[in-house]
C-alpha cells in the first residue's frame, strides 16, 4: 500500500529561485538561506520519494482572476514551468503520477471535497522553487509530483480548519491506494511577509517561530487562526501558511521534527523550513 513517509514545509520566495538560477547561492546575502537547506538536501538523497504531493498557490500564472478554484488538483501527465514575466525557469518538466492523482481526486469527492481538476496548467515558482531547494540542479526531478493548488489570493480563502480536513482526507486516500509507493507531502509558502501597502516589508519572527513550535504538538491552536489573524500578525501574504496545515494533517496525530530552519530576511520575506516524520 502507498504510505506518506514524510512532510516538508518551506517558503517558496521567487527571489530565491532567481538567486538559484543565476548561480548566486554563495553570495554573502543568499548563502545563509541556501545553507539552511543543506541538511534536507542530504537527507532526501537517502529518502527520495516516489511521489510528492505538493501544496502551493498559483500566482496568476495558470489561474487568472476570472477563475479561482479553492482547491485544484493537477491531472495532466506533465506540467511545464510557467513564464511569470521574465521567461520560464530553466528547471525540468514536472511529471505527474496520474494513477495516484486520480485515486486521490475520487476519494476526496467521496469525503465531500468538491475538488477542481486541472487537466492543463503551467506551474510557477510556488511549486518549482521548493523542488530546486530540495533537489538542487538536476536534469530531471527524481520523483513524480502531484500539484495541489490552494487559493490564498482571493476572497473567500479556505480556513485553516478546512485545510486541515483536506490534509486528513489526503492521508486516508493515500493509505488506501493499492500500489506500494513512498509518498511525501509538502506544504509551501510563507512565512510572514507583506508585499504592498503601508506595511510592505512586514516580518514577524515571534509569530513565525510560535507557528513552527505549534506545528509539532500545538496544531489545535493553528487550526483556529483566522484570515484576519494572519493579516494582522503575519502580513497580507502570511495566509500562505494554511498550506502547511494540509501537509501537517496528512502526517497524522504525532510527528517527529527532523530538521528546522528559520532565516530573516530573503528578499522581504521570512524563510521557514521544516522536515517532519509521522510517528503513527
Protein backbone atom coordinates (compact mmCIF):
# COMPACT_ATOMS: atom_id res chain seq x y z
CA UNK A 1 0.00 0.00 0.00
CA UNK A 2 1.05 3.61 -0.51
CA UNK A 3 2.29 5.45 2.55
CA UNK A 4 3.08 9.04 3.45
CA UNK A 5 6.59 8.82 4.91
CA UNK A 6 7.48 12.46 5.49
CA UNK A 7 6.24 16.01 5.33
CA UNK A 8 8.26 19.02 4.26
CA UNK A 9 7.34 22.68 4.62
CA UNK A 10 9.22 25.53 3.03
CA UNK A 11 8.88 29.09 1.85
CA UNK A 12 8.76 29.50 -1.93
CA UNK A 13 10.13 33.02 -2.34
CA UNK A 14 10.56 33.84 -6.08
CA UNK A 15 13.78 35.77 -5.39
CA UNK A 16 15.28 32.54 -4.02
CA UNK A 17 14.55 30.91 -7.37
CA UNK A 18 16.18 33.81 -9.20
CA UNK A 19 19.29 33.60 -6.99
CA UNK A 20 19.43 29.84 -7.57
CA UNK A 21 19.05 30.19 -11.34
CA UNK A 22 21.69 32.92 -11.55
CA UNK A 23 24.23 30.94 -9.53
CA UNK A 24 24.19 33.47 -6.69
CA UNK A 25 23.56 30.93 -3.93
CA UNK A 26 27.04 31.55 -2.49
CA UNK A 27 26.68 35.34 -2.45
CA UNK A 28 27.06 36.87 1.01
CA UNK A 29 23.36 37.73 1.13
CA UNK A 30 22.00 34.42 -0.14
CA UNK A 31 24.44 31.89 1.33
CA UNK A 32 22.74 31.71 4.77
CA UNK A 33 19.44 30.92 3.07
CA UNK A 34 20.76 28.12 0.92
CA UNK A 35 22.93 26.74 3.72
CA UNK A 36 19.72 26.24 5.70
CA UNK A 37 18.62 23.62 3.17
CA UNK A 38 21.83 21.60 3.04
CA UNK A 39 20.69 19.18 5.75
CA UNK A 40 17.45 18.46 3.91
CA UNK A 41 19.21 18.10 0.55
CA UNK A 42 21.47 15.42 2.03
CA UNK A 43 18.58 13.75 3.87
CA UNK A 44 16.39 13.47 0.80
CA UNK A 45 19.13 11.68 -1.15
CA UNK A 46 18.50 8.68 1.11
CA UNK A 47 14.78 9.34 1.43
CA UNK A 48 13.75 10.18 -2.12
CA UNK A 49 10.01 9.59 -2.52
CA UNK A 50 8.26 8.05 -5.48
CA UNK A 51 5.72 10.87 -5.43
CA UNK A 52 5.44 14.30 -3.82
CA UNK A 53 2.00 15.83 -3.26
CA UNK A 54 2.99 19.49 -3.38
CA UNK A 55 0.65 22.10 -1.89
CA UNK A 56 1.31 25.54 -3.29
CA UNK A 57 -0.51 28.59 -4.59
CA UNK A 58 -0.62 29.77 -8.15
CA UNK A 59 0.43 33.41 -8.62
CA UNK A 60 -1.86 34.25 -11.56
CA UNK A 61 0.31 32.07 -13.81
CA UNK A 62 -2.17 29.32 -14.69
CA UNK A 63 -5.30 30.53 -12.91
CA UNK A 64 -6.16 34.12 -13.70
CA UNK A 65 -8.57 36.08 -11.57
CA UNK A 66 -11.59 35.10 -13.69
CA UNK A 67 -11.34 31.51 -12.44
CA UNK A 68 -10.15 30.96 -8.85
CA UNK A 69 -10.72 27.41 -7.55
CA UNK A 70 -10.40 26.90 -3.81
CA UNK A 71 -8.52 23.60 -4.21
CA UNK A 72 -7.23 22.43 -7.60
CA UNK A 73 -5.52 19.09 -8.26
CA UNK A 74 -3.16 18.72 -11.21
CA UNK A 75 -4.34 15.97 -13.54
CA UNK A 76 -2.12 16.37 -16.60
CA UNK A 77 0.66 13.96 -17.49
CA UNK A 78 3.18 16.81 -17.25
CA UNK A 79 3.43 20.43 -16.18
CA UNK A 80 5.73 22.99 -17.76
CA UNK A 81 7.42 25.70 -15.66
CA UNK A 82 5.44 28.91 -16.06
CA UNK A 83 6.66 32.11 -17.67
CA UNK A 84 6.00 34.64 -14.91
CA UNK A 85 7.05 37.62 -16.99
CA UNK A 86 10.80 37.07 -17.35
CA UNK A 87 10.89 33.72 -19.14
CA UNK A 88 10.46 30.16 -17.91
CA UNK A 89 12.82 28.94 -15.20
CA UNK A 90 15.47 26.61 -16.58
CA UNK A 91 14.30 23.69 -14.48
CA UNK A 92 13.00 20.26 -15.50
CA UNK A 93 9.48 19.44 -16.61
CA UNK A 94 7.26 18.26 -13.77
CA UNK A 95 5.77 14.80 -14.34
CA UNK A 96 2.63 13.59 -12.59
CA UNK A 97 1.59 10.24 -11.19
CA UNK A 98 -1.87 10.30 -12.74
CA UNK A 99 -2.94 6.99 -11.20
CA UNK A 100 -2.43 8.30 -7.69
CA UNK A 101 -3.82 11.73 -8.61
CA UNK A 102 -6.99 10.12 -9.98
CA UNK A 103 -7.37 7.98 -6.89
CA UNK A 104 -6.93 10.98 -4.58
CA UNK A 105 -9.46 13.01 -6.56
CA UNK A 106 -12.05 10.24 -6.34
CA UNK A 107 -11.51 9.74 -2.62
CA UNK A 108 -11.67 13.48 -1.92
CA UNK A 109 -15.06 13.69 -3.63
CA UNK A 110 -16.24 10.74 -1.55
CA UNK A 111 -15.04 12.69 1.51
CA UNK A 112 -17.16 15.68 0.39
CA UNK A 113 -14.37 17.80 -1.10
CA UNK A 114 -15.51 19.28 -4.41
CA UNK A 115 -12.03 19.34 -5.88
CA UNK A 116 -11.26 21.15 -9.13
CA UNK A 117 -9.46 19.05 -11.73
CA UNK A 118 -6.77 20.82 -13.78
CA UNK A 119 -6.08 18.94 -17.00
CA UNK A 120 -3.71 21.65 -18.19
CA UNK A 121 -1.65 24.19 -16.27
CA UNK A 122 1.85 25.58 -16.03
CA UNK A 123 3.41 25.58 -12.57
CA UNK A 124 5.11 28.69 -11.22
CA UNK A 125 7.70 29.46 -8.54
CA UNK A 126 5.30 28.34 -5.80
CA UNK A 127 5.99 24.77 -6.94
CA UNK A 128 9.38 24.88 -8.68
CA UNK A 129 11.36 26.82 -6.05
CA UNK A 130 10.74 24.16 -3.34
CA UNK A 131 11.83 21.46 -5.79
CA UNK A 132 15.06 23.35 -6.52
CA UNK A 133 15.76 23.90 -2.82
CA UNK A 134 15.35 20.21 -2.02
CA UNK A 135 16.89 18.58 -5.12
CA UNK A 136 19.34 21.19 -6.37
CA UNK A 137 20.39 21.46 -10.01
CA UNK A 138 19.21 18.34 -11.79
CA UNK A 139 18.37 17.39 -15.37
CA UNK A 140 15.12 15.81 -14.20
CA UNK A 141 13.25 15.74 -10.90
CA UNK A 142 13.89 12.42 -9.11
CA UNK A 143 10.21 11.82 -8.35
CA UNK A 144 6.72 12.38 -9.70
CA UNK A 145 4.85 15.45 -8.44
CA UNK A 146 1.11 15.93 -7.93
CA UNK A 147 0.39 19.68 -7.77
CA UNK A 148 -2.30 20.79 -5.32
CA UNK A 149 -3.03 24.49 -5.79
CA UNK A 150 -4.77 26.34 -2.94
CA UNK A 151 -6.45 29.73 -3.22
CA UNK A 152 -4.78 32.15 -0.82
CA UNK A 153 -5.04 35.23 -3.03
CA UNK A 154 -8.74 36.00 -3.49
CA UNK A 155 -11.62 36.10 -1.03
CA UNK A 156 -13.01 33.82 0.15
CA UNK A 157 -9.93 31.80 1.06
CA UNK A 158 -10.28 28.43 2.80
CA UNK A 159 -9.94 28.35 6.56
CA UNK A 160 -7.10 26.67 8.40
CA UNK A 161 -9.60 24.11 9.68
CA UNK A 162 -10.76 23.28 6.15
CA UNK A 163 -7.16 22.87 5.03
CA UNK A 164 -6.56 20.57 7.98
CA UNK A 165 -9.57 18.47 6.95
CA UNK A 166 -8.20 18.29 3.41
CA UNK A 167 -4.85 17.03 4.66
CA UNK A 168 -6.55 14.35 6.74
CA UNK A 169 -8.60 13.28 3.71
CA UNK A 170 -5.44 13.07 1.58
CA UNK A 171 -3.84 10.88 4.24
CA UNK A 172 -6.82 8.49 4.09
CA UNK A 173 -6.78 8.49 0.29
CA UNK A 174 -3.08 7.64 0.06
CA UNK A 175 -3.42 4.89 2.67
CA UNK A 176 -5.95 3.01 0.55
CA UNK A 177 -4.08 3.28 -2.75
CA UNK A 178 -3.11 -0.31 -3.65
CA UNK A 179 0.30 0.37 -5.22
CA UNK A 180 3.38 0.28 -2.98
CA UNK A 181 4.51 3.90 -3.13
CA UNK A 182 6.68 6.10 -0.94
CA UNK A 183 4.79 9.40 -0.81
CA UNK A 184 5.80 12.71 0.72
CA UNK A 185 3.57 15.74 1.15
CA UNK A 186 4.98 19.25 1.03
CA UNK A 187 3.38 22.48 2.20
CA UNK A 188 4.84 25.67 0.76
CA UNK A 189 4.61 29.44 1.09
CA UNK A 190 5.08 31.92 3.90
CA UNK A 191 6.30 32.70 6.37
CA UNK A 192 5.31 36.23 7.47
CA UNK A 193 5.52 38.82 4.72
CA UNK A 194 3.65 41.66 3.09
CA UNK A 195 4.39 42.84 -0.42
CA UNK A 196 2.37 46.04 -0.67
CA UNK A 197 0.74 48.91 1.20
CA UNK A 198 1.94 50.88 4.24
CA UNK A 199 3.14 47.69 5.95
CA UNK A 200 5.16 46.40 2.97
CA UNK A 201 8.18 44.52 4.27
CA UNK A 202 6.47 43.39 7.48
CA UNK A 203 8.07 40.34 9.10
CA UNK A 204 7.02 38.89 12.47
CA UNK A 205 9.61 36.41 13.81
CA UNK A 206 7.65 35.85 17.04
CA UNK A 207 4.56 34.73 15.13
CA UNK A 208 6.63 32.60 12.75
CA UNK A 209 8.56 30.75 15.44
CA UNK A 210 5.44 30.14 17.51
CA UNK A 211 3.85 28.67 14.39
CA UNK A 212 6.85 26.38 13.92
CA UNK A 213 6.66 25.27 17.55
CA UNK A 214 2.94 24.52 17.38
CA UNK A 215 3.29 22.66 14.10
CA UNK A 216 4.62 19.76 16.15
CA UNK A 217 2.12 19.38 19.00
CA UNK A 218 0.01 22.55 19.14
CA UNK A 219 -1.92 22.14 15.96
CA UNK A 220 -5.33 22.76 17.55
CA UNK A 221 -4.27 26.38 18.01
CA UNK A 222 -3.01 26.69 14.43
CA UNK A 223 -6.30 25.42 13.04
CA UNK A 224 -8.10 28.30 14.75
CA UNK A 225 -6.01 31.12 13.25
CA UNK A 226 -8.35 33.23 11.12
CA UNK A 227 -7.69 35.09 7.89
CA UNK A 228 -7.81 38.35 9.86
CA UNK A 229 -5.32 36.96 12.39
CA UNK A 230 -2.90 36.11 9.59
CA UNK A 231 -3.35 39.57 8.11
CA UNK A 232 -2.70 41.34 11.40
CA UNK A 233 0.16 39.19 12.64
CA UNK A 234 1.96 37.94 9.53
CA UNK A 235 1.09 40.37 6.75
CA UNK A 236 -1.17 40.09 3.75
CA UNK A 237 0.74 37.10 2.35
CA UNK A 238 1.16 35.21 5.63
CA UNK A 239 -2.08 33.35 4.82
CA UNK A 240 0.08 31.02 2.70
CA UNK A 241 0.84 29.16 5.93
CA UNK A 242 -2.52 27.40 5.70
CA UNK A 243 -0.89 25.16 3.10
CA UNK A 244 1.49 23.94 5.80
CA UNK A 245 -1.57 22.73 7.69
CA UNK A 246 -2.56 20.47 4.79
CA UNK A 247 0.87 18.88 4.98
CA UNK A 248 0.79 18.57 8.76
CA UNK A 249 -2.67 16.98 8.88
CA UNK A 250 -1.65 14.41 6.28
CA UNK A 251 1.05 13.13 8.66
CA UNK A 252 -1.34 12.09 11.41
CA UNK A 253 -1.53 12.97 15.08
CA UNK A 254 2.11 12.63 16.13
CA UNK A 255 5.25 13.69 14.30
CA UNK A 256 8.97 13.95 14.91
CA UNK A 257 10.78 17.09 13.81
CA UNK A 258 13.88 16.03 11.90
CA UNK A 259 15.05 19.49 10.87
CA UNK A 260 14.09 23.13 11.31
CA UNK A 261 15.43 26.31 9.73
CA UNK A 262 14.37 29.93 10.04
CA UNK A 263 16.02 32.97 8.49
CA UNK A 264 15.26 36.68 8.09
CA UNK A 265 15.22 38.07 5.50
CA UNK A 266 15.22 36.63 2.00
CA UNK A 267 14.09 39.46 -0.24
CA UNK A 268 11.36 40.92 2.02
CA UNK A 269 10.23 37.59 3.43
CA UNK A 270 10.90 35.39 6.44
CA UNK A 271 12.07 31.95 5.30
CA UNK A 272 10.92 28.89 7.21
CA UNK A 273 11.61 25.22 6.57
CA UNK A 274 10.89 22.00 8.45
CA UNK A 275 11.17 18.27 7.79
CA UNK A 276 8.71 16.11 9.71
CA UNK A 277 8.31 12.35 10.09
CA UNK A 278 4.96 10.76 11.02
CA UNK A 279 5.01 8.57 14.13
CA UNK A 280 1.69 6.77 13.69
